[in-house]
Amino acid sequence: MHCKVLADDENVATVSDDTEVIDEPEIDAPATTELVVDENDTEHPGNWRFDKGAKAGRTVHSVYTESDSGKTFVLYAAFKAKHRPDWMEQCSKYLALHGISEHPTR
């Protein structure tokens, strides 16, 4: 016995009395709160790269997701780095995707 996977209406054309139909269960993707960033999307704020300092060359998304200190850095860059308006703009756009619109109070 051999098995051939058929697509669309091709299945209907091959049904006979001796055809065994196996129903496949629906697969539900698990819910996630993780922000998925397409690394090829150059317009996505998560793909913006820091140009100076210890994080130079790294994307906002990679810094933010690396650790708690990375989150702290991106929060600083978004809301406190007034001397770097380009950092503030891109990091605040990225944080908005996480639902963060202001620096959290400690």
PDB file of N, CA and C in Angstrom:
ATOM      1  N   MET A   1       0.848  -1.172   0.000  1.00  0.00           N
ATOM      2  CA  MET A   1       0.000   0.000   0.000  1.00  0.00           C
ATOM      3  C   MET A   1       0.895   1.237   0.000  1.00  0.00           C
ATOM      4  N   HIS A   2       0.517   2.224  -0.752  1.00  0.00           N
ATOM      5  CA  HIS A   2       1.255   3.472  -0.772  1.00  0.00           C
ATOM      6  C   HIS A   2       0.316   4.630  -0.452  1.00  0.00           C
ATOM      7  N   CYS A   3       0.897   5.713  -0.063  1.00  0.00           N
ATOM      8  CA  CYS A   3       0.124   6.880   0.325  1.00  0.00           C
ATOM      9  C   CYS A   3       0.542   8.046  -0.555  1.00  0.00           C
ATOM     10  N   LYS A   4      -0.441   8.744  -1.073  1.00  0.00           N
ATOM     11  CA  LYS A   4      -0.168   9.918  -1.870  1.00  0.00           C
ATOM     12  C   LYS A   4      -0.984  11.064  -1.298  1.00  0.00           C
ATOM     13  N   VAL A   5      -0.320  12.159  -0.999  1.00  0.00           N
ATOM     14  CA  VAL A   5      -1.012  13.334  -0.481  1.00  0.00           C
ATOM     15  C   VAL A   5      -1.559  14.108  -1.663  1.00  0.00           C
ATOM     16  N   LEU A   6      -2.842  14.364  -1.626  1.00  0.00           N
ATOM     17  CA  LEU A   6      -3.516  15.056  -2.712  1.00  0.00           C
ATOM     18  C   LEU A   6      -3.966  16.434  -2.249  1.00  0.00           C
ATOM     19  N   ALA A   7      -4.090  17.340  -3.187  1.00  0.00           N
ATOM     20  CA  ALA A   7      -4.475  18.706  -2.849  1.00  0.00           C
ATOM     21  C   ALA A   7      -5.831  19.061  -3.441  1.00  0.00           C
ATOM     22  N   ASP A   8      -6.551  19.900  -2.734  1.00  0.00           N
ATOM     23  CA  ASP A   8      -7.813  20.489  -3.183  1.00  0.00           C
ATOM     24  C   ASP A   8      -8.786  19.445  -3.742  1.00  0.00           C
ATOM     25  N   ASP A   9      -9.322  19.693  -4.935  1.00  0.00           N
ATOM     26  CA  ASP A   9     -10.340  18.822  -5.535  1.00  0.00           C
ATOM     27  C   ASP A   9      -9.780  17.503  -6.038  1.00  0.00           C
ATOM     28  N   GLU A  10      -8.482  17.358  -6.055  1.00  0.00           N
ATOM     29  CA  GLU A  10      -7.871  16.110  -6.495  1.00  0.00           C
ATOM     30  C   GLU A  10      -8.304  14.970  -5.570  1.00  0.00           C
ATOM     31  N   ASN A  11      -8.561  15.281  -4.305  1.00  0.00           N
ATOM     32  CA  ASN A  11      -9.028  14.272  -3.355  1.00  0.00           C
ATOM     33  C   ASN A  11     -10.383  13.713  -3.760  1.00  0.00           C
ATOM     34  N   VAL A  12     -11.301  14.559  -4.166  1.00  0.00           N
ATOM     35  CA  VAL A  12     -12.660  14.143  -4.525  1.00  0.00           C
ATOM     36  C   VAL A  12     -12.635  13.195  -5.718  1.00  0.00           C
ATOM     37  N   ALA A  13     -11.781  13.462  -6.670  1.00  0.00           N
ATOM     38  CA  ALA A  13     -11.728  12.652  -7.889  1.00  0.00           C
ATOM     39  C   ALA A  13     -11.202  11.245  -7.632  1.00  0.00           C
ATOM     40  N   THR A  14     -10.536  11.001  -6.528  1.00  0.00           N
ATOM     41  CA  THR A  14      -9.936   9.690  -6.280  1.00  0.00           C
ATOM     42  C   THR A  14     -10.704   8.858  -5.252  1.00  0.00           C
ATOM     43  N   VAL A  15     -11.789   9.381  -4.723  1.00  0.00           N
ATOM     44  CA  VAL A  15     -12.542   8.654  -3.690  1.00  0.00           C
ATOM     45  C   VAL A  15     -13.291   7.483  -4.314  1.00  0.00           C
ATOM     46  N   SER A  16     -13.151   6.315  -3.675  1.00  0.00           N
ATOM     47  CA  SER A  16     -13.902   5.128  -4.091  1.00  0.00           C
ATOM     48  C   SER A  16     -14.349   4.404  -2.824  1.00  0.00           C
ATOM     49  N   ASP A  17     -15.006   3.258  -2.978  1.00  0.00           N
ATOM     50  CA  ASP A  17     -15.507   2.523  -1.812  1.00  0.00           C
ATOM     51  C   ASP A  17     -14.392   2.043  -0.895  1.00  0.00           C
ATOM     52  N   ASP A  18     -13.236   1.759  -1.442  1.00  0.00           N
ATOM     53  CA  ASP A  18     -12.143   1.261  -0.606  1.00  0.00           C
ATOM     54  C   ASP A  18     -11.166   2.361  -0.158  1.00  0.00           C
ATOM     55  N   THR A  19     -11.548   3.616  -0.365  1.00  0.00           N
ATOM     56  CA  THR A  19     -10.692   4.741   0.047  1.00  0.00           C
ATOM     57  C   THR A  19     -10.827   4.959   1.545  1.00  0.00           C
ATOM     58  N   GLU A  20      -9.691   4.999   2.199  1.00  0.00           N
ATOM     59  CA  GLU A  20      -9.680   5.288   3.634  1.00  0.00           C
ATOM     60  C   GLU A  20      -9.332   6.766   3.806  1.00  0.00           C
ATOM     61  N   VAL A  21     -10.223   7.479   4.471  1.00  0.00           N
ATOM     62  CA  VAL A  21     -10.000   8.904   4.697  1.00  0.00           C
ATOM     63  C   VAL A  21      -9.549   9.093   6.143  1.00  0.00           C
ATOM     64  N   ILE A  22      -8.441   9.736   6.303  1.00  0.00           N
ATOM     65  CA  ILE A  22      -7.913  10.007   7.637  1.00  0.00           C
ATOM     66  C   ILE A  22      -8.035  11.502   7.886  1.00  0.00           C
ATOM     67  N   ASP A  23      -8.829  11.840   8.891  1.00  0.00           N
ATOM     68  CA  ASP A  23      -8.984  13.249   9.238  1.00  0.00           C
ATOM     69  C   ASP A  23      -7.777  13.710  10.041  1.00  0.00           C
ATOM     70  N   GLU A  24      -7.267  14.856   9.661  1.00  0.00           N
ATOM     71  CA  GLU A  24      -6.143  15.424  10.374  1.00  0.00           C
ATOM     72  C   GLU A  24      -6.659  16.488  11.327  1.00  0.00           C
ATOM     73  N   PRO A  25      -6.133  16.500  12.536  1.00  0.00           N
ATOM     74  CA  PRO A  25      -6.603  17.506  13.492  1.00  0.00           C
ATOM     75  C   PRO A  25      -6.130  18.902  13.095  1.00  0.00           C
ATOM     76  N   GLU A  26      -6.942  19.884  13.451  1.00  0.00           N
ATOM     77  CA  GLU A  26      -6.530  21.267  13.233  1.00  0.00           C
ATOM     78  C   GLU A  26      -5.396  21.576  14.196  1.00  0.00           C
ATOM     79  N   ILE A  27      -4.431  22.291  13.729  1.00  0.00           N
ATOM     80  CA  ILE A  27      -3.300  22.661  14.578  1.00  0.00           C
ATOM     81  C   ILE A  27      -3.460  24.122  14.963  1.00  0.00           C
ATOM     82  N   ASP A  28      -3.562  24.362  16.250  1.00  0.00           N
ATOM     83  CA  ASP A  28      -3.661  25.727  16.742  1.00  0.00           C
ATOM     84  C   ASP A  28      -2.286  26.193  17.176  1.00  0.00           C
ATOM     85  N   ALA A  29      -1.898  27.335  16.671  1.00  0.00           N
ATOM     86  CA  ALA A  29      -0.619  27.913  17.088  1.00  0.00           C
ATOM     87  C   ALA A  29      -0.793  28.475  18.489  1.00  0.00           C
ATOM     88  N   PRO A  30       0.170  28.241  19.356  1.00  0.00           N
ATOM     89  CA  PRO A  30       0.042  28.766  20.715  1.00  0.00           C
ATOM     90  C   PRO A  30       0.072  30.289  20.714  1.00  0.00           C
ATOM     91  N   ALA A  31      -0.713  30.872  21.602  1.00  0.00           N
ATOM     92  CA  ALA A  31      -0.729  32.326  21.721  1.00  0.00           C
ATOM     93  C   ALA A  31       0.610  32.792  22.270  1.00  0.00           C
ATOM     94  N   THR A  32       1.062  33.923  21.796  1.00  0.00           N
ATOM     95  CA  THR A  32       2.321  34.464  22.269  1.00  0.00           C
ATOM     96  C   THR A  32       2.211  35.969  22.419  1.00  0.00           C
ATOM     97  N   THR A  33       2.928  36.498  23.367  1.00  0.00           N
ATOM     98  CA  THR A  33       2.980  37.945  23.540  1.00  0.00           C
ATOM     99  C   THR A  33       4.303  38.476  23.013  1.00  0.00           C
ATOM    100  N   GLU A  34       5.107  37.586  22.463  1.00  0.00           N
ATOM    101  CA  GLU A  34       6.410  37.979  21.938  1.00  0.00           C
ATOM    102  C   GLU A  34       6.235  38.766  20.650  1.00  0.00           C
ATOM    103  N   LEU A  35       6.952  39.864  20.556  1.00  0.00           N
ATOM    104  CA  LEU A  35       6.922  40.680  19.356  1.00  0.00           C
ATOM    105  C   LEU A  35       7.853  40.044  18.328  1.00  0.00           C
ATOM    106  N   VAL A  36       7.313  39.713  17.175  1.00  0.00           N
ATOM    107  CA  VAL A  36       8.112  39.107  16.117  1.00  0.00           C
ATOM    108  C   VAL A  36       8.529  40.209  15.155  1.00  0.00           C
ATOM    109  N   VAL A  37       9.821  40.297  14.899  1.00  0.00           N
ATOM    110  CA  VAL A  37      10.360  41.337  14.028  1.00  0.00           C
ATOM    111  C   VAL A  37      10.983  40.684  12.803  1.00  0.00           C
ATOM    112  N   ASP A  38      10.494  41.071  11.631  1.00  0.00           N
ATOM    113  CA  ASP A  38      11.063  40.587  10.376  1.00  0.00           C
ATOM    114  C   ASP A  38      12.367  41.332  10.144  1.00  0.00           C
ATOM    115  N   GLU A  39      13.484  40.632  10.199  1.00  0.00           N
ATOM    116  CA  GLU A  39      14.793  41.286  10.077  1.00  0.00           C
ATOM    117  C   GLU A  39      15.034  41.904   8.709  1.00  0.00           C
ATOM    118  N   ASN A  40      14.214  41.563   7.727  1.00  0.00           N
ATOM    119  CA  ASN A  40      14.361  42.129   6.391  1.00  0.00           C
ATOM    120  C   ASN A  40      13.541  43.407   6.200  1.00  0.00           C
ATOM    121  N   ASP A  41      12.703  43.739   7.170  1.00  0.00           N
ATOM    122  CA  ASP A  41      11.864  44.937   7.096  1.00  0.00           C
ATOM    123  C   ASP A  41      12.667  46.137   7.596  1.00  0.00           C
ATOM    124  N   THR A  42      13.238  46.878   6.690  1.00  0.00           N
ATOM    125  CA  THR A  42      14.105  47.996   7.070  1.00  0.00           C
ATOM    126  C   THR A  42      13.339  49.167   7.659  1.00  0.00           C
ATOM    127  N   GLU A  43      12.021  49.174   7.526  1.00  0.00           N
ATOM    128  CA  GLU A  43      11.210  50.254   8.084  1.00  0.00           C
ATOM    129  C   GLU A  43      10.763  49.961   9.522  1.00  0.00           C
ATOM    130  N   HIS A  44      10.939  48.747   9.988  1.00  0.00           N
ATOM    131  CA  HIS A  44      10.508  48.378  11.342  1.00  0.00           C
ATOM    132  C   HIS A  44      11.448  49.014  12.360  1.00  0.00           C
ATOM    133  N   PRO A  45      10.896  49.706  13.378  1.00  0.00           N
ATOM    134  CA  PRO A  45      11.771  50.352  14.365  1.00  0.00           C
ATOM    135  C   PRO A  45      12.649  49.378  15.146  1.00  0.00           C
ATOM    136  N   GLY A  46      12.246  48.139  15.247  1.00  0.00           N
ATOM    137  CA  GLY A  46      13.060  47.140  15.928  1.00  0.00           C
ATOM    138  C   GLY A  46      14.336  46.802  15.187  1.00  0.00           C
ATOM    139  N   ASN A  47      14.388  47.118  13.891  1.00  0.00           N
ATOM    140  CA  ASN A  47      15.577  46.843  13.080  1.00  0.00           C
ATOM    141  C   ASN A  47      16.528  48.024  12.998  1.00  0.00           C
ATOM    142  N   TRP A  48      16.167  49.136  13.629  1.00  0.00           N
ATOM    143  CA  TRP A  48      17.054  50.301  13.634  1.00  0.00           C
ATOM    144  C   TRP A  48      18.284  49.968  14.462  1.00  0.00           C
ATOM    145  N   ARG A  49      19.462  50.381  14.003  1.00  0.00           N
ATOM    146  CA  ARG A  49      20.720  50.053  14.690  1.00  0.00           C
ATOM    147  C   ARG A  49      21.314  51.265  15.401  1.00  0.00           C
ATOM    148  N   PHE A  50      21.778  51.006  16.620  1.00  0.00           N
ATOM    149  CA  PHE A  50      22.482  52.042  17.371  1.00  0.00           C
ATOM    150  C   PHE A  50      23.799  52.337  16.663  1.00  0.00           C
ATOM    151  N   ASP A  51      24.173  53.615  16.627  1.00  0.00           N
ATOM    152  CA  ASP A  51      25.358  54.001  15.872  1.00  0.00           C
ATOM    153  C   ASP A  51      26.580  54.307  16.730  1.00  0.00           C
ATOM    154  N   LYS A  52      26.419  54.380  18.056  1.00  0.00           N
ATOM    155  CA  LYS A  52      27.550  54.706  18.920  1.00  0.00           C
ATOM    156  C   LYS A  52      27.439  53.941  20.236  1.00  0.00           C
ATOM    157  N   GLY A  53      28.555  53.899  20.941  1.00  0.00           N
ATOM    158  CA  GLY A  53      28.560  53.335  22.284  1.00  0.00           C
ATOM    159  C   GLY A  53      28.650  51.818  22.308  1.00  0.00           C
ATOM    160  N   ALA A  54      28.371  51.263  23.481  1.00  0.00           N
ATOM    161  CA  ALA A  54      28.498  49.825  23.700  1.00  0.00           C
ATOM    162  C   ALA A  54      27.528  49.011  22.848  1.00  0.00           C
ATOM    163  N   LYS A  55      26.437  49.612  22.423  1.00  0.00           N
ATOM    164  CA  LYS A  55      25.424  48.893  21.626  1.00  0.00           C
ATOM    165  C   LYS A  55      25.556  49.186  20.128  1.00  0.00           C
ATOM    166  N   ALA A  56      26.619  49.851  19.715  1.00  0.00           N
ATOM    167  CA  ALA A  56      26.809  50.221  18.304  1.00  0.00           C
ATOM    168  C   ALA A  56      26.710  48.994  17.404  1.00  0.00           C
ATOM    169  N   GLY A  57      25.920  49.139  16.341  1.00  0.00           N
ATOM    170  CA  GLY A  57      25.748  48.063  15.374  1.00  0.00           C
ATOM    171  C   GLY A  57      24.651  47.076  15.712  1.00  0.00           C
ATOM    172  N   ARG A  58      24.115  47.141  16.911  1.00  0.00           N
ATOM    173  CA  ARG A  58      23.056  46.210  17.335  1.00  0.00           C
ATOM    174  C   ARG A  58      21.691  46.834  17.089  1.00  0.00           C
ATOM    175  N   THR A  59      20.693  45.993  16.821  1.00  0.00           N
ATOM    176  CA  THR A  59      19.340  46.499  16.597  1.00  0.00           C
ATOM    177  C   THR A  59      18.650  46.761  17.926  1.00  0.00           C
ATOM    178  N   VAL A  60      17.655  47.629  17.874  1.00  0.00           N
ATOM    179  CA  VAL A  60      16.848  47.930  19.061  1.00  0.00           C
ATOM    180  C   VAL A  60      16.236  46.637  19.596  1.00  0.00           C
ATOM    181  N   HIS A  61      15.706  45.813  18.705  1.00  0.00           N
ATOM    182  CA  HIS A  61      15.056  44.563  19.124  1.00  0.00           C
ATOM    183  C   HIS A  61      16.039  43.616  19.813  1.00  0.00           C
ATOM    184  N   SER A  62      17.233  43.465  19.265  1.00  0.00           N
ATOM    185  CA  SER A  62      18.189  42.530  19.879  1.00  0.00           C
ATOM    186  C   SER A  62      18.638  43.032  21.247  1.00  0.00           C
ATOM    187  N   VAL A  63      18.829  44.335  21.391  1.00  0.00           N
ATOM    188  CA  VAL A  63      19.221  44.891  22.687  1.00  0.00           C
ATOM    189  C   VAL A  63      18.090  44.711  23.694  1.00  0.00           C
ATOM    190  N   TYR A  64      16.860  45.026  23.289  1.00  0.00           N
ATOM    191  CA  TYR A  64      15.706  44.964  24.191  1.00  0.00           C
ATOM    192  C   TYR A  64      15.442  43.539  24.676  1.00  0.00           C
ATOM    193  N   THR A  65      15.624  42.574  23.807  1.00  0.00           N
ATOM    194  CA  THR A  65      15.279  41.186  24.158  1.00  0.00           C
ATOM    195  C   THR A  65      16.416  40.414  24.809  1.00  0.00           C
ATOM    196  N   GLU A  66      17.620  40.979  24.874  1.00  0.00           N
ATOM    197  CA  GLU A  66      18.764  40.235  25.409  1.00  0.00           C
ATOM    198  C   GLU A  66      18.695  40.025  26.918  1.00  0.00           C
ATOM    199  N   SER A  67      18.229  41.032  27.662  1.00  0.00           N
ATOM    200  CA  SER A  67      18.239  40.932  29.122  1.00  0.00           C
ATOM    201  C   SER A  67      17.498  42.116  29.716  1.00  0.00           C
ATOM    202  N   ASP A  68      17.390  42.113  31.041  1.00  0.00           N
ATOM    203  CA  ASP A  68      16.765  43.246  31.722  1.00  0.00           C
ATOM    204  C   ASP A  68      17.568  44.522  31.511  1.00  0.00           C
ATOM    205  N   SER A  69      18.897  44.394  31.477  1.00  0.00           N
ATOM    206  CA  SER A  69      19.713  45.588  31.258  1.00  0.00           C
ATOM    207  C   SER A  69      19.495  46.142  29.847  1.00  0.00           C
ATOM    208  N   GLY A  70      19.220  45.270  28.894  1.00  0.00           N
ATOM    209  CA  GLY A  70      18.904  45.717  27.537  1.00  0.00           C
ATOM    210  C   GLY A  70      17.593  46.479  27.498  1.00  0.00           C
ATOM    211  N   LYS A  71      16.600  45.986  28.231  1.00  0.00           N
ATOM    212  CA  LYS A  71      15.320  46.694  28.324  1.00  0.00           C
ATOM    213  C   LYS A  71      15.523  48.073  28.935  1.00  0.00           C
ATOM    214  N   THR A  72      16.324  48.117  29.997  1.00  0.00           N
ATOM    215  CA  THR A  72      16.610  49.380  30.662  1.00  0.00           C
ATOM    216  C   THR A  72      17.281  50.353  29.696  1.00  0.00           C
ATOM    217  N   PHE A  73      18.217  49.854  28.893  1.00  0.00           N
ATOM    218  CA  PHE A  73      18.921  50.698  27.933  1.00  0.00           C
ATOM    219  C   PHE A  73      17.959  51.277  26.901  1.00  0.00           C
ATOM    220  N   VAL A  74      17.078  50.451  26.353  1.00  0.00           N
ATOM    221  CA  VAL A  74      16.134  50.923  25.335  1.00  0.00           C
ATOM    222  C   VAL A  74      15.144  51.918  25.953  1.00  0.00           C
ATOM    223  N   LEU A  75      14.708  51.668  27.176  1.00  0.00           N
ATOM    224  CA  LEU A  75      13.833  52.626  27.867  1.00  0.00           C
ATOM    225  C   LEU A  75      14.541  53.969  28.039  1.00  0.00           C
ATOM    226  N   TYR A  76      15.793  53.934  28.439  1.00  0.00           N
ATOM    227  CA  TYR A  76      16.586  55.157  28.567  1.00  0.00           C
ATOM    228  C   TYR A  76      16.677  55.864  27.214  1.00  0.00           C
ATOM    229  N   ALA A  77      17.029  55.115  26.191  1.00  0.00           N
ATOM    230  CA  ALA A  77      17.206  55.698  24.859  1.00  0.00           C
ATOM    231  C   ALA A  77      15.905  56.319  24.342  1.00  0.00           C
ATOM    232  N   ALA A  78      14.773  55.735  24.698  1.00  0.00           N
ATOM    233  CA  ALA A  78      13.490  56.220  24.209  1.00  0.00           C
ATOM    234  C   ALA A  78      12.999  57.468  24.946  1.00  0.00           C
ATOM    235  N   PHE A  79      13.273  57.535  26.236  1.00  0.00           N
ATOM    236  CA  PHE A  79      12.644  58.589  27.032  1.00  0.00           C
ATOM    237  C   PHE A  79      13.600  59.561  27.725  1.00  0.00           C
ATOM    238  N   LYS A  80      14.880  59.250  27.809  1.00  0.00           N
ATOM    239  CA  LYS A  80      15.812  60.081  28.565  1.00  0.00           C
ATOM    240  C   LYS A  80      16.992  60.603  27.752  1.00  0.00           C
ATOM    241  N   ALA A  81      17.270  60.027  26.604  1.00  0.00           N
ATOM    242  CA  ALA A  81      18.458  60.391  25.823  1.00  0.00           C
ATOM    243  C   ALA A  81      18.163  61.596  24.924  1.00  0.00           C
ATOM    244  N   LYS A  82      17.896  62.724  25.544  1.00  0.00           N
ATOM    245  CA  LYS A  82      17.514  63.931  24.790  1.00  0.00           C
ATOM    246  C   LYS A  82      18.630  64.408  23.863  1.00  0.00           C
ATOM    247  N   HIS A  83      19.876  64.066  24.154  1.00  0.00           N
ATOM    248  CA  HIS A  83      20.996  64.435  23.292  1.00  0.00           C
ATOM    249  C   HIS A  83      21.063  63.575  22.027  1.00  0.00           C
ATOM    250  N   ARG A  84      20.226  62.504  21.970  1.00  0.00           N
ATOM    251  CA  ARG A  84      20.176  61.616  20.798  1.00  0.00           C
ATOM    252  C   ARG A  84      18.733  61.489  20.316  1.00  0.00           C
ATOM    253  N   PRO A  85      18.201  62.528  19.653  1.00  0.00           N
ATOM    254  CA  PRO A  85      16.797  62.478  19.218  1.00  0.00           C
ATOM    255  C   PRO A  85      16.493  61.325  18.259  1.00  0.00           C
ATOM    256  N   ASP A  86      17.483  60.886  17.475  1.00  0.00           N
ATOM    257  CA  ASP A  86      17.259  59.751  16.575  1.00  0.00           C
ATOM    258  C   ASP A  86      17.027  58.474  17.383  1.00  0.00           C
ATOM    259  N   TRP A  87      17.778  58.294  18.479  1.00  0.00           N
ATOM    260  CA  TRP A  87      17.577  57.137  19.356  1.00  0.00           C
ATOM    261  C   TRP A  87      16.188  57.212  19.988  1.00  0.00           C
ATOM    262  N   MET A  88      15.844  58.400  20.467  1.00  0.00           N
ATOM    263  CA  MET A  88      14.542  58.567  21.131  1.00  0.00           C
ATOM    264  C   MET A  88      13.402  58.208  20.189  1.00  0.00           C
ATOM    265  N   GLU A  89      13.484  58.686  18.966  1.00  0.00           N
ATOM    266  CA  GLU A  89      12.409  58.439  18.006  1.00  0.00           C
ATOM    267  C   GLU A  89      12.234  56.944  17.721  1.00  0.00           C
ATOM    268  N   GLN A  90      13.313  56.274  17.345  1.00  0.00           N
ATOM    269  CA  GLN A  90      13.218  54.862  16.963  1.00  0.00           C
ATOM    270  C   GLN A  90      12.872  53.961  18.159  1.00  0.00           C
ATOM    271  N   CYS A  91      13.483  54.224  19.294  1.00  0.00           N
ATOM    272  CA  CYS A  91      13.223  53.389  20.472  1.00  0.00           C
ATOM    273  C   CYS A  91      11.812  53.594  20.990  1.00  0.00           C
ATOM    274  N   SER A  92      11.306  54.826  20.950  1.00  0.00           N
ATOM    275  CA  SER A  92       9.935  55.055  21.408  1.00  0.00           C
ATOM    276  C   SER A  92       8.926  54.405  20.464  1.00  0.00           C
ATOM    277  N   LYS A  93       9.217  54.403  19.154  1.00  0.00           N
ATOM    278  CA  LYS A  93       8.343  53.693  18.205  1.00  0.00           C
ATOM    279  C   LYS A  93       8.328  52.195  18.514  1.00  0.00           C
ATOM    280  N   TYR A  94       9.502  51.650  18.796  1.00  0.00           N
ATOM    281  CA  TYR A  94       9.603  50.221  19.104  1.00  0.00           C
ATOM    282  C   TYR A  94       8.838  49.899  20.392  1.00  0.00           C
ATOM    283  N   LEU A  95       9.041  50.701  21.424  1.00  0.00           N
ATOM    284  CA  LEU A  95       8.364  50.447  22.696  1.00  0.00           C
ATOM    285  C   LEU A  95       6.850  50.595  22.574  1.00  0.00           C
ATOM    286  N   ALA A  96       6.397  51.473  21.682  1.00  0.00           N
ATOM    287  CA  ALA A  96       4.955  51.619  21.453  1.00  0.00           C
ATOM    288  C   ALA A  96       4.345  50.299  20.977  1.00  0.00           C
ATOM    289  N   LEU A  97       5.111  49.512  20.232  1.00  0.00           N
ATOM    290  CA  LEU A  97       4.635  48.200  19.788  1.00  0.00           C
ATOM    291  C   LEU A  97       4.454  47.245  20.970  1.00  0.00           C
ATOM    292  N   HIS A  98       5.153  47.518  22.062  1.00  0.00           N
ATOM    293  CA  HIS A  98       5.015  46.740  23.296  1.00  0.00           C
ATOM    294  C   HIS A  98       3.979  47.361  24.236  1.00  0.00           C
ATOM    295  N   GLY A  99       3.365  48.456  23.811  1.00  0.00           N
ATOM    296  CA  GLY A  99       2.379  49.131  24.642  1.00  0.00           C
ATOM    297  C   GLY A  99       2.989  50.051  25.693  1.00  0.00           C
ATOM    298  N   ILE A 100       4.228  50.442  25.507  1.00  0.00           N
ATOM    299  CA  ILE A 100       4.911  51.314  26.460  1.00  0.00           C
ATOM    300  C   ILE A 100       5.012  52.705  25.851  1.00  0.00           C
ATOM    301  N   SER A 101       4.410  53.689  26.518  1.00  0.00           N
ATOM    302  CA  SER A 101       4.408  55.045  25.973  1.00  0.00           C
ATOM    303  C   SER A 101       5.113  56.054  26.870  1.00  0.00           C
ATOM    304  N   GLU A 102       5.598  55.603  28.025  1.00  0.00           N
ATOM    305  CA  GLU A 102       6.336  56.489  28.915  1.00  0.00           C
ATOM    306  C   GLU A 102       7.287  55.676  29.760  1.00  0.00           C
ATOM    307  N   HIS A 103       8.304  56.354  30.287  1.00  0.00           N
ATOM    308  CA  HIS A 103       9.295  55.676  31.107  1.00  0.00           C
ATOM    309  C   HIS A 103       8.631  55.235  32.408  1.00  0.00           C
ATOM    310  N   PRO A 104       8.788  53.980  32.779  1.00  0.00           N
ATOM    311  CA  PRO A 104       8.157  53.511  34.022  1.00  0.00           C
ATOM    312  C   PRO A 104       8.805  54.168  35.238  1.00  0.00           C
ATOM    313  N   THR A 105       7.996  54.500  36.210  1.00  0.00           N
ATOM    314  CA  THR A 105       8.531  55.084  37.445  1.00  0.00           C
ATOM    315  C   THR A 105       9.016  53.966  38.340  1.00  0.00           C
ATOM    316  N   ARG A 106      10.048  54.254  39.072  1.00  0.00           N
ATOM    317  CA  ARG A 106      10.622  53.223  39.957  1.00  0.00           C
ATOM    318  C   ARG A 106      10.132  53.390  41.363  1.00  0.00           C
TER     319      ARG A 106
END
